[in-house]
Amino acid sequence: MIDNYNKSNKASDLEHNVLITHPQGHRLVKNIVTGYQNYNGEAKAFYDEIIEKIYEFCIKELPILLQTKAIFVIIALIENTEYKDQVIFYYFFI
């Protein structure tokens, strides 16, 4: 998901260094999030970790990500995961 992120200048380089903001790459991340409800068993546990990392990154960089293609991933988090309330709360109250 992250390539050279620690070396980037947050706002100016985020789009070039993070898959979630890439014009086509965000679709891959979004498909993982939207398909989350279909996973079960061991796959569910594996994807739980991935979804949690995506959520944590989105919350950490929310003001910047809302201005990029990552908005579609954030919407998918709200529609398809148990992080709906946390994302909405963070957006409106933090």
PDB file of N, CA and C in Angstrom:
ATOM      1  N   MET A   1       0.821  -1.191   0.000  1.00  0.00           N
ATOM      2  CA  MET A   1       0.000   0.000   0.000  1.00  0.00           C
ATOM      3  C   MET A   1       0.862   1.251   0.000  1.00  0.00           C
ATOM      4  N   ILE A   2       2.014   1.206   0.637  1.00  0.00           N
ATOM      5  CA  ILE A   2       2.821   2.403   0.777  1.00  0.00           C
ATOM      6  C   ILE A   2       4.181   2.178   0.128  1.00  0.00           C
ATOM      7  N   ASP A   3       4.592   3.114  -0.695  1.00  0.00           N
ATOM      8  CA  ASP A   3       5.886   3.060  -1.340  1.00  0.00           C
ATOM      9  C   ASP A   3       6.607   4.375  -1.072  1.00  0.00           C
ATOM     10  N   ASN A   4       7.682   4.342  -0.324  1.00  0.00           N
ATOM     11  CA  ASN A   4       8.468   5.531   0.025  1.00  0.00           C
ATOM     12  C   ASN A   4       7.662   6.569   0.792  1.00  0.00           C
ATOM     13  N   TYR A   5       6.648   6.145   1.531  1.00  0.00           N
ATOM     14  CA  TYR A   5       5.781   7.091   2.229  1.00  0.00           C
ATOM     15  C   TYR A   5       6.536   7.919   3.256  1.00  0.00           C
ATOM     16  N   ASN A   6       7.439   7.297   4.002  1.00  0.00           N
ATOM     17  CA  ASN A   6       8.150   8.011   5.055  1.00  0.00           C
ATOM     18  C   ASN A   6       9.068   9.103   4.506  1.00  0.00           C
ATOM     19  N   LYS A   7       9.397   9.022   3.231  1.00  0.00           N
ATOM     20  CA  LYS A   7      10.269  10.026   2.620  1.00  0.00           C
ATOM     21  C   LYS A   7       9.481  11.163   1.967  1.00  0.00           C
ATOM     22  N   SER A   8       8.179  11.062   1.943  1.00  0.00           N
ATOM     23  CA  SER A   8       7.371  12.027   1.198  1.00  0.00           C
ATOM     24  C   SER A   8       7.012  13.257   2.017  1.00  0.00           C
ATOM     25  N   ASN A   9       6.722  14.355   1.325  1.00  0.00           N
ATOM     26  CA  ASN A   9       6.142  15.546   1.942  1.00  0.00           C
ATOM     27  C   ASN A   9       4.653  15.339   1.863  1.00  0.00           C
ATOM     28  N   LYS A  10       4.031  15.127   3.005  1.00  0.00           N
ATOM     29  CA  LYS A  10       2.646  14.663   3.105  1.00  0.00           C
ATOM     30  C   LYS A  10       1.711  15.138   2.002  1.00  0.00           C
ATOM     31  N   ALA A  11       1.430  16.392   1.952  1.00  0.00           N
ATOM     32  CA  ALA A  11       0.404  16.878   1.032  1.00  0.00           C
ATOM     33  C   ALA A  11       0.849  16.814  -0.422  1.00  0.00           C
ATOM     34  N   SER A  12       2.053  17.242  -0.716  1.00  0.00           N
ATOM     35  CA  SER A  12       2.463  17.348  -2.112  1.00  0.00           C
ATOM     36  C   SER A  12       2.809  16.017  -2.754  1.00  0.00           C
ATOM     37  N   ASP A  13       3.343  15.068  -1.996  1.00  0.00           N
ATOM     38  CA  ASP A  13       3.787  13.808  -2.587  1.00  0.00           C
ATOM     39  C   ASP A  13       2.887  12.627  -2.312  1.00  0.00           C
ATOM     40  N   LEU A  14       1.839  12.798  -1.530  1.00  0.00           N
ATOM     41  CA  LEU A  14       0.988  11.675  -1.146  1.00  0.00           C
ATOM     42  C   LEU A  14       0.431  10.955  -2.362  1.00  0.00           C
ATOM     43  N   GLU A  15      -0.026  11.695  -3.344  1.00  0.00           N
ATOM     44  CA  GLU A  15      -0.630  11.080  -4.520  1.00  0.00           C
ATOM     45  C   GLU A  15       0.352  10.247  -5.320  1.00  0.00           C
ATOM     46  N   HIS A  16       1.624  10.587  -5.257  1.00  0.00           N
ATOM     47  CA  HIS A  16       2.624   9.872  -6.037  1.00  0.00           C
ATOM     48  C   HIS A  16       3.223   8.692  -5.291  1.00  0.00           C
ATOM     49  N   ASN A  17       3.024   8.602  -4.002  1.00  0.00           N
ATOM     50  CA  ASN A  17       3.713   7.593  -3.203  1.00  0.00           C
ATOM     51  C   ASN A  17       2.811   6.575  -2.527  1.00  0.00           C
ATOM     52  N   VAL A  18       1.512   6.735  -2.598  1.00  0.00           N
ATOM     53  CA  VAL A  18       0.615   5.838  -1.880  1.00  0.00           C
ATOM     54  C   VAL A  18      -0.396   5.256  -2.860  1.00  0.00           C
ATOM     55  N   LEU A  19      -0.519   3.939  -2.856  1.00  0.00           N
ATOM     56  CA  LEU A  19      -1.413   3.245  -3.783  1.00  0.00           C
ATOM     57  C   LEU A  19      -2.864   3.680  -3.638  1.00  0.00           C
ATOM     58  N   ILE A  20      -3.276   3.986  -2.435  1.00  0.00           N
ATOM     59  CA  ILE A  20      -4.667   4.338  -2.158  1.00  0.00           C
ATOM     60  C   ILE A  20      -5.091   5.637  -2.868  1.00  0.00           C
ATOM     61  N   THR A  21      -4.143   6.469  -3.271  1.00  0.00           N
ATOM     62  CA  THR A  21      -4.464   7.721  -3.952  1.00  0.00           C
ATOM     63  C   THR A  21      -4.179   7.658  -5.456  1.00  0.00           C
ATOM     64  N   HIS A  22      -3.633   6.566  -5.917  1.00  0.00           N
ATOM     65  CA  HIS A  22      -3.290   6.420  -7.334  1.00  0.00           C
ATOM     66  C   HIS A  22      -4.569   6.340  -8.169  1.00  0.00           C
ATOM     67  N   PRO A  23      -4.580   6.938  -9.360  1.00  0.00           N
ATOM     68  CA  PRO A  23      -5.804   6.946 -10.175  1.00  0.00           C
ATOM     69  C   PRO A  23      -6.392   5.556 -10.452  1.00  0.00           C
ATOM     70  N   GLN A  24      -5.545   4.536 -10.646  1.00  0.00           N
ATOM     71  CA  GLN A  24      -6.069   3.187 -10.834  1.00  0.00           C
ATOM     72  C   GLN A  24      -5.880   2.327  -9.585  1.00  0.00           C
ATOM     73  N   GLY A  25      -4.830   2.567  -8.838  1.00  0.00           N
ATOM     74  CA  GLY A  25      -4.512   1.761  -7.664  1.00  0.00           C
ATOM     75  C   GLY A  25      -5.565   1.821  -6.577  1.00  0.00           C
ATOM     76  N   HIS A  26      -6.237   2.948  -6.469  1.00  0.00           N
ATOM     77  CA  HIS A  26      -7.267   3.065  -5.430  1.00  0.00           C
ATOM     78  C   HIS A  26      -8.390   2.058  -5.655  1.00  0.00           C
ATOM     79  N   ARG A  27      -8.580   1.642  -6.905  1.00  0.00           N
ATOM     80  CA  ARG A  27      -9.638   0.668  -7.206  1.00  0.00           C
ATOM     81  C   ARG A  27      -9.318  -0.700  -6.602  1.00  0.00           C
ATOM     82  N   LEU A  28      -8.054  -1.073  -6.601  1.00  0.00           N
ATOM     83  CA  LEU A  28      -7.645  -2.329  -5.982  1.00  0.00           C
ATOM     84  C   LEU A  28      -7.954  -2.312  -4.489  1.00  0.00           C
ATOM     85  N   VAL A  29      -7.574  -1.233  -3.827  1.00  0.00           N
ATOM     86  CA  VAL A  29      -7.831  -1.103  -2.395  1.00  0.00           C
ATOM     87  C   VAL A  29      -9.338  -1.074  -2.137  1.00  0.00           C
ATOM     88  N   LYS A  30     -10.068  -0.357  -2.963  1.00  0.00           N
ATOM     89  CA  LYS A  30     -11.529  -0.278  -2.799  1.00  0.00           C
ATOM     90  C   LYS A  30     -12.168  -1.656  -2.965  1.00  0.00           C
ATOM     91  N   ASN A  31     -11.693  -2.450  -3.927  1.00  0.00           N
ATOM     92  CA  ASN A  31     -12.249  -3.788  -4.131  1.00  0.00           C
ATOM     93  C   ASN A  31     -11.989  -4.699  -2.935  1.00  0.00           C
ATOM     94  N   ILE A  32     -10.849  -4.540  -2.291  1.00  0.00           N
ATOM     95  CA  ILE A  32     -10.566  -5.307  -1.077  1.00  0.00           C
ATOM     96  C   ILE A  32     -11.572  -4.930   0.002  1.00  0.00           C
ATOM     97  N   VAL A  33     -11.825  -3.640   0.141  1.00  0.00           N
ATOM     98  CA  VAL A  33     -12.744  -3.169   1.181  1.00  0.00           C
ATOM     99  C   VAL A  33     -14.182  -3.576   0.866  1.00  0.00           C
ATOM    100  N   THR A  34     -14.607  -3.429  -0.378  1.00  0.00           N
ATOM    101  CA  THR A  34     -16.001  -3.751  -0.712  1.00  0.00           C
ATOM    102  C   THR A  34     -16.270  -5.254  -0.649  1.00  0.00           C
ATOM    103  N   GLY A  35     -15.266  -6.071  -0.899  1.00  0.00           N
ATOM    104  CA  GLY A  35     -15.444  -7.508  -0.821  1.00  0.00           C
ATOM    105  C   GLY A  35     -15.297  -8.066   0.574  1.00  0.00           C
ATOM    106  N   TYR A  36     -14.991  -7.221   1.519  1.00  0.00           N
ATOM    107  CA  TYR A  36     -14.716  -7.626   2.894  1.00  0.00           C
ATOM    108  C   TYR A  36     -15.847  -8.450   3.506  1.00  0.00           C
ATOM    109  N   GLN A  37     -17.070  -8.131   3.227  1.00  0.00           N
ATOM    110  CA  GLN A  37     -18.208  -8.832   3.820  1.00  0.00           C
ATOM    111  C   GLN A  37     -18.333 -10.258   3.307  1.00  0.00           C
ATOM    112  N   ASN A  38     -17.715 -10.567   2.185  1.00  0.00           N
ATOM    113  CA  ASN A  38     -17.819 -11.896   1.593  1.00  0.00           C
ATOM    114  C   ASN A  38     -16.785 -12.883   2.132  1.00  0.00           C
ATOM    115  N   TYR A  39     -15.798 -12.401   2.877  1.00  0.00           N
ATOM    116  CA  TYR A  39     -14.748 -13.275   3.381  1.00  0.00           C
ATOM    117  C   TYR A  39     -15.233 -14.011   4.620  1.00  0.00           C
ATOM    118  N   ASN A  40     -14.717 -15.236   4.811  1.00  0.00           N
ATOM    119  CA  ASN A  40     -15.054 -15.988   6.019  1.00  0.00           C
ATOM    120  C   ASN A  40     -13.878 -16.885   6.418  1.00  0.00           C
ATOM    121  N   GLY A  41     -13.951 -17.428   7.601  1.00  0.00           N
ATOM    122  CA  GLY A  41     -12.914 -18.332   8.093  1.00  0.00           C
ATOM    123  C   GLY A  41     -11.563 -17.657   8.253  1.00  0.00           C
ATOM    124  N   GLU A  42     -10.526 -18.374   7.822  1.00  0.00           N
ATOM    125  CA  GLU A  42      -9.162 -17.843   7.938  1.00  0.00           C
ATOM    126  C   GLU A  42      -8.964 -16.605   7.070  1.00  0.00           C
ATOM    127  N   ALA A  43      -9.636 -16.576   5.931  1.00  0.00           N
ATOM    128  CA  ALA A  43      -9.528 -15.410   5.054  1.00  0.00           C
ATOM    129  C   ALA A  43     -10.071 -14.166   5.750  1.00  0.00           C
ATOM    130  N   LYS A  44     -11.150 -14.326   6.503  1.00  0.00           N
ATOM    131  CA  LYS A  44     -11.745 -13.194   7.230  1.00  0.00           C
ATOM    132  C   LYS A  44     -10.743 -12.610   8.222  1.00  0.00           C
ATOM    133  N   ALA A  45     -10.046 -13.478   8.975  1.00  0.00           N
ATOM    134  CA  ALA A  45      -9.052 -13.007   9.942  1.00  0.00           C
ATOM    135  C   ALA A  45      -7.920 -12.267   9.236  1.00  0.00           C
ATOM    136  N   PHE A  46      -7.485 -12.779   8.094  1.00  0.00           N
ATOM    137  CA  PHE A  46      -6.428 -12.131   7.319  1.00  0.00           C
ATOM    138  C   PHE A  46      -6.880 -10.758   6.837  1.00  0.00           C
ATOM    139  N   TYR A  47      -8.075 -10.696   6.296  1.00  0.00           N
ATOM    140  CA  TYR A  47      -8.578  -9.427   5.774  1.00  0.00           C
ATOM    141  C   TYR A  47      -8.960  -8.450   6.882  1.00  0.00           C
ATOM    142  N   ASP A  48      -9.293  -8.953   8.058  1.00  0.00           N
ATOM    143  CA  ASP A  48      -9.530  -8.063   9.207  1.00  0.00           C
ATOM    144  C   ASP A  48      -8.307  -7.190   9.459  1.00  0.00           C
ATOM    145  N   GLU A  49      -7.137  -7.795   9.416  1.00  0.00           N
ATOM    146  CA  GLU A  49      -5.895  -7.044   9.634  1.00  0.00           C
ATOM    147  C   GLU A  49      -5.660  -6.019   8.529  1.00  0.00           C
ATOM    148  N   ILE A  50      -5.907  -6.415   7.296  1.00  0.00           N
ATOM    149  CA  ILE A  50      -5.710  -5.501   6.165  1.00  0.00           C
ATOM    150  C   ILE A  50      -6.673  -4.322   6.259  1.00  0.00           C
ATOM    151  N   ILE A  51      -7.940  -4.608   6.520  1.00  0.00           N
ATOM    152  CA  ILE A  51      -8.949  -3.546   6.624  1.00  0.00           C
ATOM    153  C   ILE A  51      -8.595  -2.603   7.771  1.00  0.00           C
ATOM    154  N   GLU A  52      -8.134  -3.145   8.879  1.00  0.00           N
ATOM    155  CA  GLU A  52      -7.759  -2.296  10.013  1.00  0.00           C
ATOM    156  C   GLU A  52      -6.598  -1.371   9.647  1.00  0.00           C
ATOM    157  N   LYS A  53      -5.624  -1.866   8.910  1.00  0.00           N
ATOM    158  CA  LYS A  53      -4.494  -1.026   8.489  1.00  0.00           C
ATOM    159  C   LYS A  53      -4.945   0.059   7.514  1.00  0.00           C
ATOM    160  N   ILE A  54      -5.839  -0.295   6.608  1.00  0.00           N
ATOM    161  CA  ILE A  54      -6.377   0.699   5.674  1.00  0.00           C
ATOM    162  C   ILE A  54      -7.133   1.779   6.449  1.00  0.00           C
ATOM    163  N   TYR A  55      -7.963   1.347   7.385  1.00  0.00           N
ATOM    164  CA  TYR A  55      -8.718   2.289   8.222  1.00  0.00           C
ATOM    165  C   TYR A  55      -7.775   3.216   8.991  1.00  0.00           C
ATOM    166  N   GLU A  56      -6.764   2.655   9.648  1.00  0.00           N
ATOM    167  CA  GLU A  56      -5.831   3.467  10.436  1.00  0.00           C
ATOM    168  C   GLU A  56      -5.112   4.488   9.568  1.00  0.00           C
ATOM    169  N   PHE A  57      -4.704   4.080   8.380  1.00  0.00           N
ATOM    170  CA  PHE A  57      -4.037   5.018   7.484  1.00  0.00           C
ATOM    171  C   PHE A  57      -4.999   6.114   7.036  1.00  0.00           C
ATOM    172  N   CYS A  58      -6.220   5.741   6.698  1.00  0.00           N
ATOM    173  CA  CYS A  58      -7.202   6.734   6.238  1.00  0.00           C
ATOM    174  C   CYS A  58      -7.513   7.754   7.329  1.00  0.00           C
ATOM    175  N   ILE A  59      -7.665   7.304   8.554  1.00  0.00           N
ATOM    176  CA  ILE A  59      -7.952   8.225   9.647  1.00  0.00           C
ATOM    177  C   ILE A  59      -6.760   9.140   9.894  1.00  0.00           C
ATOM    178  N   LYS A  60      -5.576   8.572   9.832  1.00  0.00           N
ATOM    179  CA  LYS A  60      -4.354   9.356  10.082  1.00  0.00           C
ATOM    180  C   LYS A  60      -4.207  10.493   9.076  1.00  0.00           C
ATOM    181  N   GLU A  61      -4.573  10.243   7.836  1.00  0.00           N
ATOM    182  CA  GLU A  61      -4.379  11.220   6.756  1.00  0.00           C
ATOM    183  C   GLU A  61      -5.698  11.724   6.169  1.00  0.00           C
ATOM    184  N   LEU A  62      -6.778  11.639   6.911  1.00  0.00           N
ATOM    185  CA  LEU A  62      -8.104  11.938   6.385  1.00  0.00           C
ATOM    186  C   LEU A  62      -8.223  13.289   5.680  1.00  0.00           C
ATOM    187  N   PRO A  63      -7.763  14.395   6.260  1.00  0.00           N
ATOM    188  CA  PRO A  63      -7.941  15.687   5.565  1.00  0.00           C
ATOM    189  C   PRO A  63      -7.304  15.725   4.177  1.00  0.00           C
ATOM    190  N   ILE A  64      -6.173  15.073   4.029  1.00  0.00           N
ATOM    191  CA  ILE A  64      -5.499  15.053   2.730  1.00  0.00           C
ATOM    192  C   ILE A  64      -6.178  14.066   1.789  1.00  0.00           C
ATOM    193  N   LEU A  65      -6.514  12.885   2.299  1.00  0.00           N
ATOM    194  CA  LEU A  65      -7.098  11.843   1.460  1.00  0.00           C
ATOM    195  C   LEU A  65      -8.467  12.218   0.908  1.00  0.00           C
ATOM    196  N   LEU A  66      -9.198  13.062   1.611  1.00  0.00           N
ATOM    197  CA  LEU A  66     -10.515  13.480   1.117  1.00  0.00           C
ATOM    198  C   LEU A  66     -10.419  14.265  -0.184  1.00  0.00           C
ATOM    199  N   GLN A  67      -9.238  14.753  -0.504  1.00  0.00           N
ATOM    200  CA  GLN A  67      -9.041  15.532  -1.723  1.00  0.00           C
ATOM    201  C   GLN A  67      -8.492  14.689  -2.869  1.00  0.00           C
ATOM    202  N   THR A  68      -8.398  13.373  -2.669  1.00  0.00           N
ATOM    203  CA  THR A  68      -7.814  12.486  -3.678  1.00  0.00           C
ATOM    204  C   THR A  68      -8.795  11.370  -4.038  1.00  0.00           C
ATOM    205  N   LYS A  69      -8.336  10.458  -4.882  1.00  0.00           N
ATOM    206  CA  LYS A  69      -9.143   9.291  -5.263  1.00  0.00           C
ATOM    207  C   LYS A  69      -9.425   8.384  -4.069  1.00  0.00           C
ATOM    208  N   ALA A  70      -8.701   8.560  -2.984  1.00  0.00           N
ATOM    209  CA  ALA A  70      -8.907   7.743  -1.783  1.00  0.00           C
ATOM    210  C   ALA A  70     -10.292   7.962  -1.190  1.00  0.00           C
ATOM    211  N   ILE A  71     -10.981   8.996  -1.587  1.00  0.00           N
ATOM    212  CA  ILE A  71     -12.335   9.245  -1.084  1.00  0.00           C
ATOM    213  C   ILE A  71     -13.235   8.045  -1.365  1.00  0.00           C
ATOM    214  N   PHE A  72     -12.991   7.356  -2.484  1.00  0.00           N
ATOM    215  CA  PHE A  72     -13.804   6.183  -2.823  1.00  0.00           C
ATOM    216  C   PHE A  72     -13.527   5.027  -1.861  1.00  0.00           C
ATOM    217  N   VAL A  73     -12.296   4.909  -1.394  1.00  0.00           N
ATOM    218  CA  VAL A  73     -11.950   3.885  -0.405  1.00  0.00           C
ATOM    219  C   VAL A  73     -12.592   4.237   0.936  1.00  0.00           C
ATOM    220  N   ILE A  74     -12.579   5.501   1.290  1.00  0.00           N
ATOM    221  CA  ILE A  74     -13.180   5.951   2.553  1.00  0.00           C
ATOM    222  C   ILE A  74     -14.691   5.686   2.534  1.00  0.00           C
ATOM    223  N   ILE A  75     -15.327   5.956   1.413  1.00  0.00           N
ATOM    224  CA  ILE A  75     -16.757   5.666   1.281  1.00  0.00           C
ATOM    225  C   ILE A  75     -16.999   4.158   1.408  1.00  0.00           C
ATOM    226  N   ALA A  76     -16.127   3.349   0.808  1.00  0.00           N
ATOM    227  CA  ALA A  76     -16.269   1.895   0.916  1.00  0.00           C
ATOM    228  C   ALA A  76     -16.099   1.436   2.360  1.00  0.00           C
ATOM    229  N   LEU A  77     -15.196   2.069   3.104  1.00  0.00           N
ATOM    230  CA  LEU A  77     -15.045   1.741   4.532  1.00  0.00           C
ATOM    231  C   LEU A  77     -16.345   2.016   5.284  1.00  0.00           C
ATOM    232  N   ILE A  78     -16.978   3.121   4.953  1.00  0.00           N
ATOM    233  CA  ILE A  78     -18.232   3.486   5.618  1.00  0.00           C
ATOM    234  C   ILE A  78     -19.345   2.507   5.237  1.00  0.00           C
ATOM    235  N   GLU A  79     -19.424   2.134   3.978  1.00  0.00           N
ATOM    236  CA  GLU A  79     -20.519   1.291   3.509  1.00  0.00           C
ATOM    237  C   GLU A  79     -20.349  -0.194   3.827  1.00  0.00           C
ATOM    238  N   ASN A  80     -19.112  -0.675   3.954  1.00  0.00           N
ATOM    239  CA  ASN A  80     -18.891  -2.124   3.988  1.00  0.00           C
ATOM    240  C   ASN A  80     -18.181  -2.671   5.217  1.00  0.00           C
ATOM    241  N   THR A  81     -17.819  -1.851   6.172  1.00  0.00           N
ATOM    242  CA  THR A  81     -17.085  -2.354   7.333  1.00  0.00           C
ATOM    243  C   THR A  81     -17.710  -1.854   8.624  1.00  0.00           C
ATOM    244  N   GLU A  82     -17.206  -2.381   9.719  1.00  0.00           N
ATOM    245  CA  GLU A  82     -17.681  -1.944  11.027  1.00  0.00           C
ATOM    246  C   GLU A  82     -17.032  -0.627  11.464  1.00  0.00           C
ATOM    247  N   TYR A  83     -16.212  -0.038  10.612  1.00  0.00           N
ATOM    248  CA  TYR A  83     -15.556   1.235  10.938  1.00  0.00           C
ATOM    249  C   TYR A  83     -16.391   2.453  10.566  1.00  0.00           C
ATOM    250  N   LYS A  84     -17.594   2.250  10.130  1.00  0.00           N
ATOM    251  CA  LYS A  84     -18.476   3.338   9.691  1.00  0.00           C
ATOM    252  C   LYS A  84     -18.571   4.461  10.721  1.00  0.00           C
ATOM    253  N   ASP A  85     -18.930   4.108  11.943  1.00  0.00           N
ATOM    254  CA  ASP A  85     -19.123   5.128  12.979  1.00  0.00           C
ATOM    255  C   ASP A  85     -17.833   5.873  13.303  1.00  0.00           C
ATOM    256  N   GLN A  86     -16.708   5.149  13.323  1.00  0.00           N
ATOM    257  CA  GLN A  86     -15.436   5.795  13.635  1.00  0.00           C
ATOM    258  C   GLN A  86     -15.017   6.791  12.555  1.00  0.00           C
ATOM    259  N   VAL A  87     -15.214   6.427  11.299  1.00  0.00           N
ATOM    260  CA  VAL A  87     -14.841   7.320  10.203  1.00  0.00           C
ATOM    261  C   VAL A  87     -15.711   8.575  10.231  1.00  0.00           C
ATOM    262  N   ILE A  88     -17.005   8.387  10.385  1.00  0.00           N
ATOM    263  CA  ILE A  88     -17.926   9.529  10.418  1.00  0.00           C
ATOM    264  C   ILE A  88     -17.643  10.412  11.628  1.00  0.00           C
ATOM    265  N   PHE A  89     -17.431   9.805  12.783  1.00  0.00           N
ATOM    266  CA  PHE A  89     -17.122  10.566  13.995  1.00  0.00           C
ATOM    267  C   PHE A  89     -15.843  11.375  13.792  1.00  0.00           C
ATOM    268  N   TYR A  90     -14.814  10.745  13.278  1.00  0.00           N
ATOM    269  CA  TYR A  90     -13.543  11.443  13.085  1.00  0.00           C
ATOM    270  C   TYR A  90     -13.713  12.621  12.128  1.00  0.00           C
ATOM    271  N   TYR A  91     -14.460  12.419  11.063  1.00  0.00           N
ATOM    272  CA  TYR A  91     -14.649  13.478  10.071  1.00  0.00           C
ATOM    273  C   TYR A  91     -15.367  14.687  10.680  1.00  0.00           C
ATOM    274  N   PHE A  92     -16.405  14.455  11.439  1.00  0.00           N
ATOM    275  CA  PHE A  92     -17.212  15.550  11.938  1.00  0.00           C
ATOM    276  C   PHE A  92     -16.727  16.150  13.258  1.00  0.00           C
ATOM    277  N   PHE A  93     -16.035  15.371  14.068  1.00  0.00           N
ATOM    278  CA  PHE A  93     -15.730  15.853  15.416  1.00  0.00           C
ATOM    279  C   PHE A  93     -14.257  16.022  15.728  1.00  0.00           C
ATOM    280  N   ILE A  94     -13.388  15.662  14.836  1.00  0.00           N
ATOM    281  CA  ILE A  94     -11.960  15.818  15.137  1.00  0.00           C
ATOM    282  C   ILE A  94     -11.363  16.864  14.213  1.00  0.00           C
TER     283      ILE A  94
END
